[in-house]
C-alpha cells in the first residue's frame, strides 16, 4: 500500500540522488517481455522532465524519494515531493510516458509527513 510505503521511502530506501535499490532489480514486465517501459525515466533527462511536470516553477524539483515500481499491475514511478506545508508531502505515481509536458498521472495524494 502507498500509505505503508511512505515511512520506508522517507527513511532512506529511495533518495533524491537516484532510484531506490528496488530499481536495480529486474521488473516483472522486463523479465517477461525483454523491454523496460520505465527505461526513459531511468535517465537523468527523462527523470528531470517528468519531475518538472509535477512541480511548480518556484519548486526546487528535488524529490524526497523515488521508487520504480508498479501500480495496479502497470509500471510506474513513485515520486515523493515536499509540500509547501512542512507537515505534508505530495505522493505522485506516474506512468512510463511521463514527460515535462504530460505527467501521465496514475495517482496523487497529499499526506501527512510521518514523524
N, C-alpha and C. Protein backbone atom coordinates (compact mmCIF):
# COMPACT_ATOMS: atom_id res chain seq x y z
N UNK A 1 0.84 -1.18 0.00
CA UNK A 1 0.00 0.00 0.00
C UNK A 1 0.89 1.24 0.00
N UNK A 2 0.39 2.28 -0.60
CA UNK A 2 1.17 3.52 -0.68
C UNK A 2 1.38 4.13 0.69
N UNK A 3 0.34 4.13 1.53
CA UNK A 3 0.49 4.72 2.86
C UNK A 3 1.54 3.99 3.68
N UNK A 4 1.59 2.68 3.55
CA UNK A 4 2.58 1.89 4.27
C UNK A 4 3.99 2.10 3.75
N UNK A 5 4.13 2.47 2.48
CA UNK A 5 5.44 2.68 1.88
C UNK A 5 6.05 4.02 2.25
N UNK A 6 5.23 4.97 2.66
CA UNK A 6 5.71 6.31 2.92
C UNK A 6 6.84 6.36 3.95
N UNK A 7 6.71 5.76 5.12
CA UNK A 7 7.83 5.80 6.07
C UNK A 7 9.10 5.16 5.51
N UNK A 8 8.96 4.09 4.73
CA UNK A 8 10.13 3.42 4.14
C UNK A 8 10.80 4.33 3.12
N UNK A 9 10.01 5.00 2.29
CA UNK A 9 10.58 5.91 1.29
C UNK A 9 11.30 7.07 1.95
N UNK A 10 10.70 7.65 2.98
CA UNK A 10 11.33 8.77 3.67
C UNK A 10 12.49 8.32 4.54
N UNK A 11 12.50 7.04 4.89
CA UNK A 11 13.54 6.52 5.75
C UNK A 11 14.84 6.21 5.05
N UNK A 12 14.92 6.43 3.72
CA UNK A 12 16.19 6.27 3.04
C UNK A 12 16.24 5.17 2.01
N UNK A 13 15.16 4.40 1.81
CA UNK A 13 15.21 3.35 0.80
C UNK A 13 15.29 3.94 -0.60
N UNK A 14 14.70 5.11 -0.80
CA UNK A 14 14.81 5.83 -2.07
C UNK A 14 15.42 7.18 -1.76
N UNK A 15 16.07 7.79 -2.73
CA UNK A 15 16.71 9.07 -2.48
C UNK A 15 16.51 10.01 -3.64
N UNK A 16 16.70 11.27 -3.39
CA UNK A 16 16.61 12.25 -4.47
C UNK A 16 17.77 12.09 -5.45
N UNK A 17 18.86 11.48 -5.02
CA UNK A 17 20.02 11.36 -5.89
C UNK A 17 19.87 10.23 -6.91
N UNK A 18 18.96 9.30 -6.66
CA UNK A 18 18.83 8.20 -7.60
C UNK A 18 17.76 7.24 -7.16
N UNK A 19 17.52 6.22 -7.93
CA UNK A 19 16.47 5.27 -7.62
C UNK A 19 16.81 4.45 -6.40
N UNK A 20 15.78 3.90 -5.80
CA UNK A 20 15.99 3.03 -4.66
C UNK A 20 16.66 1.74 -5.12
N UNK A 21 17.08 0.94 -4.17
CA UNK A 21 17.71 -0.32 -4.53
C UNK A 21 16.74 -1.22 -5.26
N UNK A 22 15.44 -1.08 -5.04
CA UNK A 22 14.47 -1.87 -5.78
C UNK A 22 14.55 -1.60 -7.27
N UNK A 23 14.94 -0.41 -7.65
CA UNK A 23 15.01 -0.06 -9.07
C UNK A 23 16.10 -0.86 -9.77
N UNK A 24 17.03 -1.41 -9.03
CA UNK A 24 18.11 -2.17 -9.63
C UNK A 24 17.70 -3.60 -9.92
N UNK A 25 16.56 -4.03 -9.42
CA UNK A 25 16.10 -5.38 -9.69
C UNK A 25 15.35 -5.41 -11.01
N UNK A 26 15.20 -6.57 -11.57
CA UNK A 26 14.51 -6.71 -12.84
C UNK A 26 13.01 -6.64 -12.60
N UNK A 27 12.34 -5.74 -13.29
CA UNK A 27 10.90 -5.62 -13.14
C UNK A 27 10.23 -6.83 -13.78
N UNK A 28 9.04 -7.23 -13.29
CA UNK A 28 8.34 -8.37 -13.89
C UNK A 28 8.07 -8.15 -15.38
N UNK A 29 7.75 -6.92 -15.78
CA UNK A 29 7.48 -6.65 -17.18
C UNK A 29 8.73 -6.87 -18.02
N UNK A 30 9.87 -6.41 -17.53
CA UNK A 30 11.13 -6.58 -18.25
C UNK A 30 11.48 -8.06 -18.35
N UNK A 31 11.24 -8.81 -17.29
CA UNK A 31 11.58 -10.23 -17.29
C UNK A 31 10.74 -11.01 -18.31
N UNK A 32 9.49 -10.60 -18.52
CA UNK A 32 8.62 -11.35 -19.43
C UNK A 32 8.67 -10.84 -20.86
N UNK A 33 8.98 -9.57 -21.08
CA UNK A 33 8.95 -9.01 -22.43
C UNK A 33 10.32 -8.62 -22.97
N UNK A 34 11.30 -8.47 -22.11
CA UNK A 34 12.61 -8.01 -22.54
C UNK A 34 12.67 -6.51 -22.77
N UNK A 35 11.60 -5.80 -22.46
CA UNK A 35 11.52 -4.35 -22.66
C UNK A 35 11.25 -3.69 -21.31
N UNK A 36 12.01 -2.67 -20.99
CA UNK A 36 11.79 -1.92 -19.75
C UNK A 36 10.98 -0.67 -20.07
N UNK A 37 9.69 -0.65 -19.74
CA UNK A 37 8.86 0.52 -20.06
C UNK A 37 9.27 1.77 -19.30
N UNK A 38 10.02 1.62 -18.22
CA UNK A 38 10.47 2.78 -17.44
C UNK A 38 11.88 3.23 -17.80
N UNK A 39 12.45 2.66 -18.86
CA UNK A 39 13.84 2.95 -19.23
C UNK A 39 14.08 4.45 -19.41
N UNK A 40 13.19 5.16 -20.07
CA UNK A 40 13.39 6.59 -20.30
C UNK A 40 13.41 7.35 -18.98
N UNK A 41 12.61 6.92 -18.01
CA UNK A 41 12.56 7.60 -16.72
C UNK A 41 13.75 7.25 -15.83
N UNK A 42 14.56 6.31 -16.26
CA UNK A 42 15.78 5.96 -15.52
C UNK A 42 16.97 6.80 -15.98
N UNK A 43 16.78 7.64 -17.00
CA UNK A 43 17.84 8.52 -17.47
C UNK A 43 17.71 9.88 -16.78
N UNK A 44 18.80 10.60 -16.58
CA UNK A 44 18.72 11.92 -15.95
C UNK A 44 17.78 12.87 -16.70
N UNK A 45 17.83 12.87 -18.02
CA UNK A 45 16.98 13.78 -18.80
C UNK A 45 15.51 13.40 -18.69
N UNK A 46 15.20 12.13 -18.84
CA UNK A 46 13.81 11.67 -18.74
C UNK A 46 13.23 11.90 -17.36
N UNK A 47 14.02 11.60 -16.34
CA UNK A 47 13.56 11.79 -14.97
C UNK A 47 13.34 13.26 -14.66
N UNK A 48 14.28 14.11 -15.06
CA UNK A 48 14.16 15.56 -14.80
C UNK A 48 12.92 16.14 -15.48
N UNK A 49 12.65 15.73 -16.72
CA UNK A 49 11.47 16.22 -17.42
C UNK A 49 10.19 15.80 -16.73
N UNK A 50 10.13 14.56 -16.31
CA UNK A 50 8.94 14.06 -15.61
C UNK A 50 8.73 14.82 -14.31
N UNK A 51 9.76 14.97 -13.52
CA UNK A 51 9.63 15.67 -12.23
C UNK A 51 9.22 17.11 -12.45
N UNK A 52 9.71 17.73 -13.53
CA UNK A 52 9.33 19.11 -13.83
C UNK A 52 7.83 19.24 -14.06
N UNK A 53 7.19 18.18 -14.57
CA UNK A 53 5.74 18.24 -14.78
C UNK A 53 4.96 18.17 -13.47
N UNK A 54 5.62 17.75 -12.40
CA UNK A 54 4.96 17.59 -11.11
C UNK A 54 5.19 18.76 -10.16
N UNK A 55 6.10 19.64 -10.52
CA UNK A 55 6.47 20.73 -9.62
C UNK A 55 6.11 22.08 -10.22
N UNK A 56 6.01 23.07 -9.37
CA UNK A 56 5.77 24.43 -9.82
C UNK A 56 7.06 25.10 -10.23
N UNK A 57 6.97 26.25 -10.89
CA UNK A 57 8.18 26.93 -11.37
C UNK A 57 9.11 27.40 -10.24
N UNK A 58 8.56 27.57 -9.04
CA UNK A 58 9.38 28.03 -7.91
C UNK A 58 9.91 26.88 -7.06
N UNK A 59 9.53 25.65 -7.38
CA UNK A 59 9.99 24.49 -6.62
C UNK A 59 11.39 24.09 -7.04
N UNK A 60 12.12 23.49 -6.13
CA UNK A 60 13.48 23.03 -6.44
C UNK A 60 13.46 21.85 -7.39
N UNK A 61 12.35 21.09 -7.38
CA UNK A 61 12.27 19.91 -8.23
C UNK A 61 13.00 18.71 -7.67
N UNK A 62 13.54 18.84 -6.45
CA UNK A 62 14.24 17.72 -5.84
C UNK A 62 13.28 16.88 -5.02
N UNK A 63 13.07 15.65 -5.43
CA UNK A 63 12.16 14.78 -4.68
C UNK A 63 12.79 14.33 -3.37
N UNK A 64 11.93 14.00 -2.43
CA UNK A 64 12.38 13.42 -1.17
C UNK A 64 12.74 11.96 -1.37
N UNK A 65 12.04 11.31 -2.31
CA UNK A 65 12.29 9.90 -2.60
C UNK A 65 11.72 9.55 -3.97
N UNK A 66 12.31 8.53 -4.57
CA UNK A 66 11.86 7.97 -5.85
C UNK A 66 11.81 6.46 -5.71
N UNK A 67 10.89 5.84 -6.43
CA UNK A 67 10.87 4.39 -6.46
C UNK A 67 10.29 3.95 -7.80
N UNK A 68 10.96 3.08 -8.48
CA UNK A 68 10.45 2.49 -9.71
C UNK A 68 9.69 1.25 -9.27
N UNK A 69 8.41 1.21 -9.59
CA UNK A 69 7.54 0.19 -9.02
C UNK A 69 6.46 -0.18 -10.03
N UNK A 70 5.37 -0.71 -9.50
CA UNK A 70 4.18 -0.92 -10.31
C UNK A 70 2.99 -0.41 -9.53
N UNK A 71 1.96 -0.01 -10.26
CA UNK A 71 0.73 0.50 -9.66
C UNK A 71 -0.42 -0.15 -10.42
N UNK A 72 -1.24 -0.86 -9.69
CA UNK A 72 -2.36 -1.60 -10.30
C UNK A 72 -1.87 -2.46 -11.46
N UNK A 73 -0.72 -3.10 -11.26
CA UNK A 73 -0.16 -4.01 -12.24
C UNK A 73 0.56 -3.37 -13.41
N UNK A 74 0.70 -2.04 -13.40
CA UNK A 74 1.36 -1.34 -14.50
C UNK A 74 2.66 -0.72 -14.01
N UNK A 75 3.68 -0.63 -14.87
CA UNK A 75 4.94 0.01 -14.47
C UNK A 75 4.68 1.47 -14.09
N UNK A 76 5.36 1.91 -13.03
CA UNK A 76 5.12 3.27 -12.54
C UNK A 76 6.36 3.80 -11.84
N UNK A 77 6.41 5.12 -11.78
CA UNK A 77 7.42 5.82 -10.99
C UNK A 77 6.70 6.50 -9.85
N UNK A 78 7.14 6.24 -8.62
CA UNK A 78 6.59 6.89 -7.44
C UNK A 78 7.53 8.03 -7.07
N UNK A 79 6.98 9.23 -6.94
CA UNK A 79 7.77 10.41 -6.62
C UNK A 79 7.17 11.06 -5.38
N UNK A 80 7.98 11.25 -4.39
CA UNK A 80 7.57 11.91 -3.15
C UNK A 80 8.21 13.29 -3.13
N UNK A 81 7.35 14.32 -3.14
CA UNK A 81 7.84 15.71 -3.18
C UNK A 81 7.41 16.46 -1.93
N UNK A 82 8.23 17.42 -1.48
CA UNK A 82 7.83 18.23 -0.35
C UNK A 82 6.62 19.10 -0.73
N UNK A 83 5.75 19.31 0.22
CA UNK A 83 4.60 20.19 0.04
C UNK A 83 4.99 21.57 0.59
N UNK A 84 4.23 22.59 0.24
CA UNK A 84 4.54 23.92 0.78
C UNK A 84 4.23 24.02 2.27
N UNK A 85 3.51 23.03 2.79
CA UNK A 85 3.29 22.93 4.24
C UNK A 85 4.24 21.88 4.80
N UNK A 86 5.06 22.22 5.78
CA UNK A 86 6.07 21.28 6.30
C UNK A 86 5.49 19.98 6.85
N UNK A 87 4.24 19.98 7.25
CA UNK A 87 3.65 18.77 7.82
C UNK A 87 3.09 17.81 6.77
N UNK A 88 3.20 18.17 5.49
CA UNK A 88 2.62 17.37 4.41
C UNK A 88 3.68 17.01 3.37
N UNK A 89 3.41 15.96 2.62
CA UNK A 89 4.20 15.60 1.44
C UNK A 89 3.23 15.25 0.32
N UNK A 90 3.69 15.41 -0.91
CA UNK A 90 2.89 15.07 -2.08
C UNK A 90 3.41 13.77 -2.67
N UNK A 91 2.50 12.84 -2.81
CA UNK A 91 2.79 11.47 -3.25
C UNK A 91 2.26 11.33 -4.67
N UNK A 92 3.13 11.23 -5.65
CA UNK A 92 2.74 11.12 -7.06
C UNK A 92 3.10 9.74 -7.58
N UNK A 93 2.21 9.15 -8.35
CA UNK A 93 2.50 7.92 -9.07
C UNK A 93 2.21 8.21 -10.54
N UNK A 94 3.23 8.05 -11.37
CA UNK A 94 3.10 8.39 -12.79
C UNK A 94 3.49 7.19 -13.65
N UNK A 95 2.95 7.18 -14.84
CA UNK A 95 3.23 6.11 -15.79
C UNK A 95 4.51 6.37 -16.58
N UNK A 96 4.91 5.41 -17.40
CA UNK A 96 6.15 5.49 -18.15
C UNK A 96 6.19 6.61 -19.18
N UNK A 97 5.05 7.16 -19.56
CA UNK A 97 5.03 8.22 -20.57
C UNK A 97 5.14 9.61 -19.97
N UNK A 98 5.47 9.70 -18.69
CA UNK A 98 5.60 10.99 -18.03
C UNK A 98 6.71 11.81 -18.69
N UNK A 99 6.36 13.04 -19.08
CA UNK A 99 7.31 13.98 -19.67
C UNK A 99 7.08 15.35 -19.05
N UNK A 100 7.90 16.31 -19.41
CA UNK A 100 7.71 17.66 -18.90
C UNK A 100 6.36 18.23 -19.32
N UNK A 101 5.87 17.82 -20.47
CA UNK A 101 4.59 18.33 -20.97
C UNK A 101 3.38 17.57 -20.44
N UNK A 102 3.57 16.31 -20.00
CA UNK A 102 2.45 15.47 -19.57
C UNK A 102 2.89 14.57 -18.44
N UNK A 103 2.21 14.66 -17.30
CA UNK A 103 2.63 13.90 -16.13
C UNK A 103 2.28 12.41 -16.19
N UNK A 104 1.33 12.00 -17.02
CA UNK A 104 0.88 10.60 -17.07
C UNK A 104 0.45 10.14 -15.67
N UNK A 105 -0.28 10.99 -14.99
CA UNK A 105 -0.67 10.75 -13.60
C UNK A 105 -1.54 9.50 -13.46
N UNK A 106 -1.14 8.63 -12.54
CA UNK A 106 -1.92 7.45 -12.18
C UNK A 106 -2.57 7.61 -10.81
N UNK A 107 -1.89 8.35 -9.92
CA UNK A 107 -2.39 8.52 -8.55
C UNK A 107 -1.70 9.72 -7.94
N UNK A 108 -2.44 10.46 -7.10
CA UNK A 108 -1.86 11.58 -6.36
C UNK A 108 -2.53 11.64 -5.00
N UNK A 109 -1.74 11.93 -3.98
CA UNK A 109 -2.28 12.17 -2.64
C UNK A 109 -1.37 13.13 -1.91
N UNK A 110 -1.97 14.04 -1.14
CA UNK A 110 -1.24 14.89 -0.21
C UNK A 110 -1.45 14.22 1.15
N UNK A 111 -0.37 13.83 1.78
CA UNK A 111 -0.47 13.06 3.01
C UNK A 111 0.35 13.71 4.10
N UNK A 112 0.05 13.34 5.36
CA UNK A 112 0.83 13.82 6.49
C UNK A 112 2.23 13.24 6.43
N UNK A 113 3.19 14.08 6.73
CA UNK A 113 4.59 13.62 6.79
C UNK A 113 4.72 12.77 8.06
N UNK A 114 5.27 11.58 7.93
CA UNK A 114 5.46 10.75 9.13
C UNK A 114 6.40 11.42 10.12
N UNK A 115 6.15 11.22 11.37
CA UNK A 115 7.02 11.81 12.40
C UNK A 115 8.04 10.83 12.88
